[in-house]
């Protein structure tokens, strides 16, 4: 039974073969719509090959782990986290304990 790395490598080979065939078909296509669609397929296939390559590197332990550095507000926001802790808000002059808004104010 092949390991996950061996299976992923085989998948990359098959995806690459399909990509090569899409490119050949695109280069020989008569209709512009066909060429455009095949270009989109080829672009998608290349992205899948890149993703599989990253998976292979991750599975084999070749990816270097980045040390977790303190995140800026923008990085937290991009990661889906609140960019400001209560301490950061307090430093900016906002006292959240003095907030006068209640949940009832926002109900319809």
PDB file of N, CA and C in Angstrom:
ATOM      1  N   UNK A   1       0.854  -1.176   0.000  1.00  0.00           N
ATOM      2  CA  UNK A   1       0.000   0.000   0.000  1.00  0.00           C
ATOM      3  C   UNK A   1       0.901   1.240   0.000  1.00  0.00           C
ATOM      4  N   UNK A   2       0.670   2.139  -0.918  1.00  0.00           N
ATOM      5  CA  UNK A   2       1.543   3.318  -1.010  1.00  0.00           C
ATOM      6  C   UNK A   2       1.309   4.291   0.155  1.00  0.00           C
ATOM      7  N   UNK A   3       2.356   4.984   0.525  1.00  0.00           N
ATOM      8  CA  UNK A   3       2.229   6.005   1.563  1.00  0.00           C
ATOM      9  C   UNK A   3       1.522   7.217   0.982  1.00  0.00           C
ATOM     10  N   UNK A   4       1.143   8.137   1.856  1.00  0.00           N
ATOM     11  CA  UNK A   4       0.462   9.338   1.369  1.00  0.00           C
ATOM     12  C   UNK A   4       1.368  10.142   0.440  1.00  0.00           C
ATOM     13  N   UNK A   5       2.653  10.161   0.727  1.00  0.00           N
ATOM     14  CA  UNK A   5       3.589  10.915  -0.120  1.00  0.00           C
ATOM     15  C   UNK A   5       3.670  10.283  -1.509  1.00  0.00           C
ATOM     16  N   UNK A   6       3.771   8.948  -1.556  1.00  0.00           N
ATOM     17  CA  UNK A   6       3.839   8.268  -2.850  1.00  0.00           C
ATOM     18  C   UNK A   6       2.550   8.477  -3.639  1.00  0.00           C
ATOM     19  N   UNK A   7       1.407   8.402  -2.953  1.00  0.00           N
ATOM     20  CA  UNK A   7       0.118   8.607  -3.628  1.00  0.00           C
ATOM     21  C   UNK A   7       0.006  10.033  -4.155  1.00  0.00           C
ATOM     22  N   UNK A   8       0.450  11.002  -3.366  1.00  0.00           N
ATOM     23  CA  UNK A   8       0.398  12.399  -3.812  1.00  0.00           C
ATOM     24  C   UNK A   8       1.329  12.634  -4.997  1.00  0.00           C
ATOM     25  N   UNK A   9       2.494  11.999  -4.977  1.00  0.00           N
ATOM     26  CA  UNK A   9       3.418  12.146  -6.112  1.00  0.00           C
ATOM     27  C   UNK A   9       2.807  11.576  -7.382  1.00  0.00           C
ATOM     28  N   UNK A  10       2.122  10.442  -7.270  1.00  0.00           N
ATOM     29  CA  UNK A  10       1.444   9.866  -8.438  1.00  0.00           C
ATOM     30  C   UNK A  10       0.332  10.798  -8.908  1.00  0.00           C
ATOM     31  N   UNK A  11      -0.387  11.392  -7.966  1.00  0.00           N
ATOM     32  CA  UNK A  11      -1.455  12.329  -8.330  1.00  0.00           C
ATOM     33  C   UNK A  11      -0.890  13.530  -9.074  1.00  0.00           C
ATOM     34  N   UNK A  12       0.260  14.034  -8.641  1.00  0.00           N
ATOM     35  CA  UNK A  12       0.894  15.160  -9.328  1.00  0.00           C
ATOM     36  C   UNK A  12       1.264  14.762 -10.753  1.00  0.00           C
ATOM     37  N   UNK A  13       1.803  13.562 -10.921  1.00  0.00           N
ATOM     38  CA  UNK A  13       2.159  13.095 -12.269  1.00  0.00           C
ATOM     39  C   UNK A  13       0.929  13.042 -13.169  1.00  0.00           C
ATOM     40  N   UNK A  14      -0.172  12.513 -12.651  1.00  0.00           N
ATOM     41  CA  UNK A  14      -1.398  12.433 -13.450  1.00  0.00           C
ATOM     42  C   UNK A  14      -1.962  13.815 -13.751  1.00  0.00           C
ATOM     43  N   UNK A  15      -1.938  14.690 -12.774  1.00  0.00           N
ATOM     44  CA  UNK A  15      -2.409  16.059 -12.986  1.00  0.00           C
ATOM     45  C   UNK A  15      -1.541  16.762 -14.031  1.00  0.00           C
ATOM     46  N   UNK A  16      -0.227  16.530 -13.985  1.00  0.00           N
ATOM     47  CA  UNK A  16       0.680  17.134 -14.961  1.00  0.00           C
ATOM     48  C   UNK A  16       0.399  16.607 -16.362  1.00  0.00           C
ATOM     49  N   UNK A  17       0.117  15.309 -16.477  1.00  0.00           N
ATOM     50  CA  UNK A  17      -0.227  14.741 -17.783  1.00  0.00           C
ATOM     51  C   UNK A  17      -1.505  15.376 -18.326  1.00  0.00           C
ATOM     52  N   UNK A  18      -2.492  15.548 -17.459  1.00  0.00           N
ATOM     53  CA  UNK A  18      -3.744  16.187 -17.887  1.00  0.00           C
ATOM     54  C   UNK A  18      -3.482  17.634 -18.303  1.00  0.00           C
ATOM     55  N   UNK A  19      -2.659  18.332 -17.555  1.00  0.00           N
ATOM     56  CA  UNK A  19      -2.321  19.719 -17.895  1.00  0.00           C
ATOM     57  C   UNK A  19      -1.665  19.784 -19.272  1.00  0.00           C
ATOM     58  N   UNK A  20      -0.729  18.890 -19.519  1.00  0.00           N
ATOM     59  CA  UNK A  20      -0.055  18.868 -20.821  1.00  0.00           C
ATOM     60  C   UNK A  20      -1.054  18.645 -21.961  1.00  0.00           C
ATOM     61  N   UNK A  21      -2.036  17.786 -21.720  1.00  0.00           N
ATOM     62  CA  UNK A  21      -3.035  17.518 -22.754  1.00  0.00           C
ATOM     63  C   UNK A  21      -3.966  18.715 -22.947  1.00  0.00           C
ATOM     64  N   UNK A  22      -4.317  19.402 -21.871  1.00  0.00           N
ATOM     65  CA  UNK A  22      -5.123  20.619 -21.996  1.00  0.00           C
ATOM     66  C   UNK A  22      -4.390  21.662 -22.833  1.00  0.00           C
ATOM     67  N   UNK A  23      -3.095  21.793 -22.600  1.00  0.00           N
ATOM     68  CA  UNK A  23      -2.299  22.783 -23.341  1.00  0.00           C
ATOM     69  C   UNK A  23      -2.231  22.414 -24.821  1.00  0.00           C
ATOM     70  N   UNK A  24      -2.035  21.131 -25.116  1.00  0.00           N
ATOM     71  CA  UNK A  24      -2.012  20.690 -26.516  1.00  0.00           C
ATOM     72  C   UNK A  24      -3.359  20.986 -27.177  1.00  0.00           C
ATOM     73  N   UNK A  25      -4.442  20.647 -26.483  1.00  0.00           N
ATOM     74  CA  UNK A  25      -5.779  20.899 -27.034  1.00  0.00           C
ATOM     75  C   UNK A  25      -6.018  22.394 -27.215  1.00  0.00           C
ATOM     76  N   UNK A  26      -5.564  23.197 -26.262  1.00  0.00           N
ATOM     77  CA  UNK A  26      -5.737  24.649 -26.342  1.00  0.00           C
ATOM     78  C   UNK A  26      -4.981  25.208 -27.544  1.00  0.00           C
ATOM     79  N   UNK A  27      -3.763  24.753 -27.736  1.00  0.00           N
ATOM     80  CA  UNK A  27      -2.953  25.244 -28.848  1.00  0.00           C
ATOM     81  C   UNK A  27      -3.537  24.869 -30.211  1.00  0.00           C
ATOM     82  N   UNK A  28      -4.305  23.790 -30.259  1.00  0.00           N
ATOM     83  CA  UNK A  28      -4.862  23.321 -31.526  1.00  0.00           C
ATOM     84  C   UNK A  28      -6.358  23.591 -31.679  1.00  0.00           C
ATOM     85  N   UNK A  29      -6.964  24.234 -30.702  1.00  0.00           N
ATOM     86  CA  UNK A  29      -8.403  24.494 -30.762  1.00  0.00           C
ATOM     87  C   UNK A  29      -8.722  25.505 -31.860  1.00  0.00           C
ATOM     88  N   UNK A  30      -9.861  25.326 -32.486  1.00  0.00           N
ATOM     89  CA  UNK A  30     -10.302  26.193 -33.576  1.00  0.00           C
ATOM     90  C   UNK A  30     -11.082  27.392 -33.028  1.00  0.00           C
ATOM     91  N   UNK A  31     -11.953  27.149 -32.074  1.00  0.00           N
ATOM     92  CA  UNK A  31     -12.833  28.196 -31.560  1.00  0.00           C
ATOM     93  C   UNK A  31     -12.208  28.929 -30.371  1.00  0.00           C
ATOM     94  N   UNK A  32     -12.377  30.223 -30.370  1.00  0.00           N
ATOM     95  CA  UNK A  32     -11.801  31.054 -29.305  1.00  0.00           C
ATOM     96  C   UNK A  32     -12.396  30.696 -27.939  1.00  0.00           C
ATOM     97  N   UNK A  33     -13.699  30.371 -27.940  1.00  0.00           N
ATOM     98  CA  UNK A  33     -14.339  30.000 -26.669  1.00  0.00           C
ATOM     99  C   UNK A  33     -13.722  28.725 -26.095  1.00  0.00           C
ATOM    100  N   UNK A  34     -13.422  27.803 -26.970  1.00  0.00           N
ATOM    101  CA  UNK A  34     -12.780  26.554 -26.545  1.00  0.00           C
ATOM    102  C   UNK A  34     -11.398  26.844 -25.982  1.00  0.00           C
ATOM    103  N   UNK A  35     -10.641  27.688 -26.668  1.00  0.00           N
ATOM    104  CA  UNK A  35      -9.297  28.047 -26.185  1.00  0.00           C
ATOM    105  C   UNK A  35      -9.367  28.685 -24.805  1.00  0.00           C
ATOM    106  N   UNK A  36     -10.341  29.604 -24.628  1.00  0.00           N
ATOM    107  CA  UNK A  36     -10.470  30.303 -23.354  1.00  0.00           C
ATOM    108  C   UNK A  36     -10.843  29.331 -22.232  1.00  0.00           C
ATOM    109  N   UNK A  37     -11.769  28.436 -22.508  1.00  0.00           N
ATOM    110  CA  UNK A  37     -12.183  27.453 -21.499  1.00  0.00           C
ATOM    111  C   UNK A  37     -11.029  26.522 -21.143  1.00  0.00           C
ATOM    112  N   UNK A  38     -10.281  26.079 -22.145  1.00  0.00           N
ATOM    113  CA  UNK A  38      -9.134  25.214 -21.882  1.00  0.00           C
ATOM    114  C   UNK A  38      -8.043  25.947 -21.105  1.00  0.00           C
ATOM    115  N   UNK A  39      -7.893  27.242 -21.361  1.00  0.00           N
ATOM    116  CA  UNK A  39      -6.927  28.031 -20.594  1.00  0.00           C
ATOM    117  C   UNK A  39      -7.341  28.068 -19.124  1.00  0.00           C
ATOM    118  N   UNK A  40      -8.633  28.249 -18.878  1.00  0.00           N
ATOM    119  CA  UNK A  40      -9.134  28.246 -17.497  1.00  0.00           C
ATOM    120  C   UNK A  40      -8.902  26.883 -16.835  1.00  0.00           C
ATOM    121  N   UNK A  41      -9.153  25.800 -17.583  1.00  0.00           N
ATOM    122  CA  UNK A  41      -8.905  24.452 -17.069  1.00  0.00           C
ATOM    123  C   UNK A  41      -7.420  24.274 -16.748  1.00  0.00           C
ATOM    124  N   UNK A  42      -6.570  24.741 -17.652  1.00  0.00           N
ATOM    125  CA  UNK A  42      -5.122  24.601 -17.454  1.00  0.00           C
ATOM    126  C   UNK A  42      -4.663  25.400 -16.228  1.00  0.00           C
ATOM    127  N   UNK A  43      -5.189  26.612 -16.075  1.00  0.00           N
ATOM    128  CA  UNK A  43      -4.829  27.420 -14.906  1.00  0.00           C
ATOM    129  C   UNK A  43      -5.254  26.726 -13.614  1.00  0.00           C
ATOM    130  N   UNK A  44      -6.478  26.174 -13.618  1.00  0.00           N
ATOM    131  CA  UNK A  44      -6.987  25.462 -12.448  1.00  0.00           C
ATOM    132  C   UNK A  44      -6.129  24.233 -12.159  1.00  0.00           C
ATOM    133  N   UNK A  45      -5.782  23.528 -13.206  1.00  0.00           N
ATOM    134  CA  UNK A  45      -4.959  22.319 -13.048  1.00  0.00           C
ATOM    135  C   UNK A  45      -3.587  22.669 -12.473  1.00  0.00           C
ATOM    136  N   UNK A  46      -3.015  23.787 -12.916  1.00  0.00           N
ATOM    137  CA  UNK A  46      -1.709  24.213 -12.392  1.00  0.00           C
ATOM    138  C   UNK A  46      -1.816  24.545 -10.905  1.00  0.00           C
ATOM    139  N   UNK A  47      -2.902  25.178 -10.510  1.00  0.00           N
ATOM    140  CA  UNK A  47      -3.095  25.478  -9.093  1.00  0.00           C
ATOM    141  C   UNK A  47      -3.198  24.198  -8.278  1.00  0.00           C
ATOM    142  N   UNK A  48      -3.878  23.203  -8.811  1.00  0.00           N
ATOM    143  CA  UNK A  48      -3.994  21.929  -8.105  1.00  0.00           C
ATOM    144  C   UNK A  48      -2.641  21.248  -7.982  1.00  0.00           C
ATOM    145  N   UNK A  49      -1.834  21.324  -9.025  1.00  0.00           N
ATOM    146  CA  UNK A  49      -0.492  20.741  -8.974  1.00  0.00           C
ATOM    147  C   UNK A  49       0.343  21.441  -7.907  1.00  0.00           C
ATOM    148  N   UNK A  50       0.250  22.765  -7.863  1.00  0.00           N
ATOM    149  CA  UNK A  50       0.987  23.525  -6.844  1.00  0.00           C
ATOM    150  C   UNK A  50       0.534  23.135  -5.440  1.00  0.00           C
ATOM    151  N   UNK A  51      -0.773  23.000  -5.248  1.00  0.00           N
ATOM    152  CA  UNK A  51      -1.309  22.621  -3.944  1.00  0.00           C
ATOM    153  C   UNK A  51      -0.839  21.235  -3.546  1.00  0.00           C
ATOM    154  N   UNK A  52      -0.896  20.300  -4.482  1.00  0.00           N
ATOM    155  CA  UNK A  52      -0.424  18.942  -4.194  1.00  0.00           C
ATOM    156  C   UNK A  52       1.064  18.935  -3.852  1.00  0.00           C
ATOM    157  N   UNK A  53       1.831  19.781  -4.526  1.00  0.00           N
ATOM    158  CA  UNK A  53       3.269  19.861  -4.237  1.00  0.00           C
ATOM    159  C   UNK A  53       3.513  20.344  -2.817  1.00  0.00           C
ATOM    160  N   UNK A  54       2.710  21.333  -2.391  1.00  0.00           N
ATOM    161  CA  UNK A  54       2.824  21.810  -0.997  1.00  0.00           C
ATOM    162  C   UNK A  54       2.449  20.703  -0.015  1.00  0.00           C
ATOM    163  N   UNK A  55       1.425  19.920  -0.362  1.00  0.00           N
ATOM    164  CA  UNK A  55       1.025  18.807   0.507  1.00  0.00           C
ATOM    165  C   UNK A  55       2.145  17.786   0.637  1.00  0.00           C
ATOM    166  N   UNK A  56       2.818  17.513  -0.469  1.00  0.00           N
ATOM    167  CA  UNK A  56       3.935  16.561  -0.442  1.00  0.00           C
ATOM    168  C   UNK A  56       5.031  17.078   0.479  1.00  0.00           C
ATOM    169  N   UNK A  57       5.346  18.354   0.343  1.00  0.00           N
ATOM    170  CA  UNK A  57       6.387  18.931   1.203  1.00  0.00           C
ATOM    171  C   UNK A  57       5.964  18.896   2.667  1.00  0.00           C
ATOM    172  N   UNK A  58       4.695  19.168   2.942  1.00  0.00           N
ATOM    173  CA  UNK A  58       4.217  19.146   4.321  1.00  0.00           C
ATOM    174  C   UNK A  58       4.265  17.733   4.888  1.00  0.00           C
ATOM    175  N   UNK A  59       3.814  16.760   4.105  1.00  0.00           N
ATOM    176  CA  UNK A  59       3.818  15.372   4.556  1.00  0.00           C
ATOM    177  C   UNK A  59       5.231  14.845   4.792  1.00  0.00           C
ATOM    178  N   UNK A  60       6.178  15.310   3.983  1.00  0.00           N
ATOM    179  CA  UNK A  60       7.550  14.820   4.125  1.00  0.00           C
ATOM    180  C   UNK A  60       8.346  15.618   5.154  1.00  0.00           C
ATOM    181  N   UNK A  61       7.735  16.678   5.687  1.00  0.00           N
ATOM    182  CA  UNK A  61       8.407  17.477   6.714  1.00  0.00           C
ATOM    183  C   UNK A  61       9.379  18.483   6.147  1.00  0.00           C
ATOM    184  N   UNK A  62       9.271  18.801   4.870  1.00  0.00           N
ATOM    185  CA  UNK A  62      10.199  19.735   4.241  1.00  0.00           C
ATOM    186  C   UNK A  62       9.834  21.198   4.445  1.00  0.00           C
ATOM    187  N   UNK A  63       8.621  21.462   4.935  1.00  0.00           N
ATOM    188  CA  UNK A  63       8.227  22.856   5.166  1.00  0.00           C
ATOM    189  C   UNK A  63       8.813  23.332   6.479  1.00  0.00           C
ATOM    190  N   UNK A  64       9.424  24.498   6.448  1.00  0.00           N
ATOM    191  CA  UNK A  64       9.956  25.073   7.671  1.00  0.00           C
ATOM    192  C   UNK A  64       8.812  25.710   8.436  1.00  0.00           C
ATOM    193  N   UNK A  65       8.767  25.436   9.716  1.00  0.00           N
ATOM    194  CA  UNK A  65       7.739  26.050  10.536  1.00  0.00           C
ATOM    195  C   UNK A  65       8.201  27.437  10.922  1.00  0.00           C
ATOM    196  N   UNK A  66       7.291  28.396  10.719  1.00  0.00           N
ATOM    197  CA  UNK A  66       7.612  29.767  11.092  1.00  0.00           C
ATOM    198  C   UNK A  66       7.373  29.929  12.580  1.00  0.00           C
ATOM    199  N   UNK A  67       8.273  30.663  13.216  1.00  0.00           N
ATOM    200  CA  UNK A  67       8.054  30.950  14.613  1.00  0.00           C
ATOM    201  C   UNK A  67       6.939  31.962  14.711  1.00  0.00           C
ATOM    202  N   UNK A  68       6.084  31.743  15.673  1.00  0.00           N
ATOM    203  CA  UNK A  68       4.925  32.614  15.820  1.00  0.00           C
ATOM    204  C   UNK A  68       5.360  33.942  16.421  1.00  0.00           C
ATOM    205  N   UNK A  69       5.296  34.973  15.598  1.00  0.00           N
ATOM    206  CA  UNK A  69       5.632  36.314  16.058  1.00  0.00           C
ATOM    207  C   UNK A  69       4.353  37.007  16.477  1.00  0.00           C
ATOM    208  N   UNK A  70       4.451  38.005  17.343  1.00  0.00           N
ATOM    209  CA  UNK A  70       3.246  38.738  17.723  1.00  0.00           C
ATOM    210  C   UNK A  70       2.596  39.334  16.482  1.00  0.00           C
ATOM    211  N   UNK A  71       1.276  39.212  16.401  1.00  0.00           N
ATOM    212  CA  UNK A  71       0.561  39.705  15.244  1.00  0.00           C
ATOM    213  C   UNK A  71       0.183  41.167  15.427  1.00  0.00           C
ATOM    214  N   UNK A  72       0.202  41.876  14.307  1.00  0.00           N
ATOM    215  CA  UNK A  72      -0.298  43.246  14.328  1.00  0.00           C
ATOM    216  C   UNK A  72      -1.813  43.192  14.229  1.00  0.00           C
ATOM    217  N   UNK A  73      -2.460  44.330  14.443  1.00  0.00           N
ATOM    218  CA  UNK A  73      -3.913  44.389  14.341  1.00  0.00           C
ATOM    219  C   UNK A  73      -4.404  43.945  12.990  1.00  0.00           C
ATOM    220  N   UNK A  74      -3.715  44.371  11.925  1.00  0.00           N
ATOM    221  CA  UNK A  74      -4.122  43.993  10.578  1.00  0.00           C
ATOM    222  C   UNK A  74      -3.975  42.503  10.327  1.00  0.00           C
ATOM    223  N   UNK A  75      -2.899  41.900  10.857  1.00  0.00           N
ATOM    224  CA  UNK A  75      -2.701  40.464  10.683  1.00  0.00           C
ATOM    225  C   UNK A  75      -3.779  39.679  11.420  1.00  0.00           C
ATOM    226  N   UNK A  76      -4.162  40.154  12.625  1.00  0.00           N
ATOM    227  CA  UNK A  76      -5.222  39.490  13.372  1.00  0.00           C
ATOM    228  C   UNK A  76      -6.539  39.589  12.612  1.00  0.00           C
ATOM    229  N   UNK A  77      -6.807  40.777  12.065  1.00  0.00           N
ATOM    230  CA  UNK A  77      -8.043  40.983  11.317  1.00  0.00           C
ATOM    231  C   UNK A  77      -8.090  40.069  10.101  1.00  0.00           C
ATOM    232  N   UNK A  78      -6.955  39.936   9.408  1.00  0.00           N
ATOM    233  CA  UNK A  78      -6.888  39.067   8.231  1.00  0.00           C
ATOM    234  C   UNK A  78      -7.084  37.609   8.624  1.00  0.00           C
ATOM    235  N   UNK A  79      -6.690  37.269   9.839  1.00  0.00           N
ATOM    236  CA  UNK A  79      -6.845  35.899  10.310  1.00  0.00           C
ATOM    237  C   UNK A  79      -8.228  35.660  10.906  1.00  0.00           C
ATOM    238  N   UNK A  80      -9.082  36.691  10.897  1.00  0.00           N
ATOM    239  CA  UNK A  80     -10.435  36.548  11.402  1.00  0.00           C
ATOM    240  C   UNK A  80     -10.550  36.760  12.894  1.00  0.00           C
ATOM    241  N   UNK A  81      -9.561  37.368  13.484  1.00  0.00           N
ATOM    242  CA  UNK A  81      -9.579  37.614  14.918  1.00  0.00           C
ATOM    243  C   UNK A  81      -9.739  39.107  15.167  1.00  0.00           C
ATOM    244  N   UNK A  82     -10.229  39.439  16.337  1.00  0.00           N
ATOM    245  CA  UNK A  82     -10.372  40.843  16.697  1.00  0.00           C
ATOM    246  C   UNK A  82      -8.977  41.466  16.754  1.00  0.00           C
ATOM    247  N   UNK A  83      -8.775  42.580  16.057  1.00  0.00           N
ATOM    248  CA  UNK A  83      -7.438  43.154  16.006  1.00  0.00           C
ATOM    249  C   UNK A  83      -7.025  43.880  17.287  1.00  0.00           C
ATOM    250  N   UNK A  84      -7.950  44.072  18.219  1.00  0.00           N
ATOM    251  CA  UNK A  84      -7.613  44.814  19.423  1.00  0.00           C
ATOM    252  C   UNK A  84      -7.999  44.027  20.662  1.00  0.00           C
ATOM    253  N   UNK A  85      -7.050  43.903  21.572  1.00  0.00           N
ATOM    254  CA  UNK A  85      -7.372  43.319  22.861  1.00  0.00           C
ATOM    255  C   UNK A  85      -7.906  44.437  23.745  1.00  0.00           C
ATOM    256  N   UNK A  86      -8.480  44.077  24.873  1.00  0.00           N
ATOM    257  CA  UNK A  86      -8.984  45.106  25.786  1.00  0.00           C
ATOM    258  C   UNK A  86      -7.853  46.026  26.223  1.00  0.00           C
ATOM    259  N   UNK A  87      -6.665  45.462  26.381  1.00  0.00           N
ATOM    260  CA  UNK A  87      -5.517  46.277  26.785  1.00  0.00           C
ATOM    261  C   UNK A  87      -5.138  47.294  25.723  1.00  0.00           C
ATOM    262  N   UNK A  88      -5.185  46.877  24.449  1.00  0.00           N
ATOM    263  CA  UNK A  88      -4.868  47.802  23.361  1.00  0.00           C
ATOM    264  C   UNK A  88      -5.908  48.904  23.261  1.00  0.00           C
ATOM    265  N   UNK A  89      -7.185  48.558  23.473  1.00  0.00           N
ATOM    266  CA  UNK A  89      -8.241  49.572  23.447  1.00  0.00           C
ATOM    267  C   UNK A  89      -8.060  50.565  24.593  1.00  0.00           C
ATOM    268  N   UNK A  90      -7.692  50.043  25.757  1.00  0.00           N
ATOM    269  CA  UNK A  90      -7.492  50.910  26.916  1.00  0.00           C
ATOM    270  C   UNK A  90      -6.337  51.880  26.665  1.00  0.00           C
ATOM    271  N   UNK A  91      -5.268  51.380  26.028  1.00  0.00           N
ATOM    272  CA  UNK A  91      -4.129  52.240  25.700  1.00  0.00           C
ATOM    273  C   UNK A  91      -4.524  53.361  24.748  1.00  0.00           C
ATOM    274  N   UNK A  92      -5.546  53.116  23.909  1.00  0.00           N
ATOM    275  CA  UNK A  92      -6.004  54.129  22.962  1.00  0.00           C
ATOM    276  C   UNK A  92      -7.034  55.067  23.589  1.00  0.00           C
ATOM    277  N   UNK A  93      -7.353  54.841  24.871  1.00  0.00           N
ATOM    278  CA  UNK A  93      -8.280  55.737  25.552  1.00  0.00           C
ATOM    279  C   UNK A  93      -9.711  55.244  25.620  1.00  0.00           C
ATOM    280  N   UNK A  94      -9.955  54.012  25.244  1.00  0.00           N
ATOM    281  CA  UNK A  94     -11.307  53.461  25.313  1.00  0.00           C
ATOM    282  C   UNK A  94     -11.422  52.578  26.543  1.00  0.00           C
ATOM    283  N   UNK A  95     -12.387  52.895  27.407  1.00  0.00           N
ATOM    284  CA  UNK A  95     -12.632  52.083  28.591  1.00  0.00           C
ATOM    285  C   UNK A  95     -13.887  51.273  28.342  1.00  0.00           C
ATOM    286  N   UNK A  96     -13.722  50.007  28.035  1.00  0.00           N
ATOM    287  CA  UNK A  96     -14.855  49.167  27.673  1.00  0.00           C
ATOM    288  C   UNK A  96     -15.788  48.910  28.850  1.00  0.00           C
ATOM    289  N   UNK A  97     -15.312  49.066  30.089  1.00  0.00           N
ATOM    290  CA  UNK A  97     -16.187  48.859  31.241  1.00  0.00           C
ATOM    291  C   UNK A  97     -17.180  50.007  31.389  1.00  0.00           C
ATOM    292  N   UNK A  98     -16.928  51.141  30.753  1.00  0.00           N
ATOM    293  CA  UNK A  98     -17.810  52.291  30.824  1.00  0.00           C
ATOM    294  C   UNK A  98     -18.767  52.372  29.637  1.00  0.00           C
ATOM    295  N   UNK A  99     -18.832  51.316  28.846  1.00  0.00           N
ATOM    296  CA  UNK A  99     -19.696  51.300  27.674  1.00  0.00           C
ATOM    297  C   UNK A  99     -21.144  51.434  28.109  1.00  0.00           C
ATOM    298  N   UNK A 100     -21.890  52.332  27.465  1.00  0.00           N
ATOM    299  CA  UNK A 100     -23.284  52.580  27.837  1.00  0.00           C
ATOM    300  C   UNK A 100     -24.247  51.861  26.924  1.00  0.00           C
ATOM    301  N   UNK A 101     -23.773  51.266  25.838  1.00  0.00           N
ATOM    302  CA  UNK A 101     -24.660  50.585  24.904  1.00  0.00           C
ATOM    303  C   UNK A 101     -25.091  49.255  25.497  1.00  0.00           C
ATOM    304  N   UNK A 102     -26.345  48.927  25.342  1.00  0.00           N
ATOM    305  CA  UNK A 102     -26.837  47.633  25.792  1.00  0.00           C
ATOM    306  C   UNK A 102     -27.376  46.878  24.596  1.00  0.00           C
ATOM    307  N   UNK A 103     -27.554  45.601  24.766  1.00  0.00           N
ATOM    308  CA  UNK A 103     -28.087  44.786  23.677  1.00  0.00           C
ATOM    309  C   UNK A 103     -29.479  45.222  23.295  1.00  0.00           C
ATOM    310  N   UNK A 104     -30.248  45.753  24.249  1.00  0.00           N
ATOM    311  CA  UNK A 104     -31.620  46.180  23.957  1.00  0.00           C
ATOM    312  C   UNK A 104     -31.657  47.321  22.945  1.00  0.00           C
ATOM    313  N   UNK A 105     -30.626  48.135  22.900  1.00  0.00           N
ATOM    314  CA  UNK A 105     -30.596  49.268  21.973  1.00  0.00           C
ATOM    315  C   UNK A 105     -30.531  48.808  20.528  1.00  0.00           C
ATOM    316  N   UNK A 106     -30.025  47.621  20.300  1.00  0.00           N
ATOM    317  CA  UNK A 106     -29.806  47.165  18.930  1.00  0.00           C
ATOM    318  C   UNK A 106     -30.918  46.245  18.431  1.00  0.00           C
ATOM    319  N   UNK A 107     -31.910  45.966  19.286  1.00  0.00           N
ATOM    320  CA  UNK A 107     -33.024  45.112  18.866  1.00  0.00           C
ATOM    321  C   UNK A 107     -34.037  45.956  18.092  1.00  0.00           C
ATOM    322  N   UNK A 108     -34.667  45.341  17.126  1.00  0.00           N
ATOM    323  CA  UNK A 108     -35.666  46.048  16.302  1.00  0.00           C
ATOM    324  C   UNK A 108     -36.997  46.096  16.999  1.00  0.00           C
TER     325      UNK A 108
END
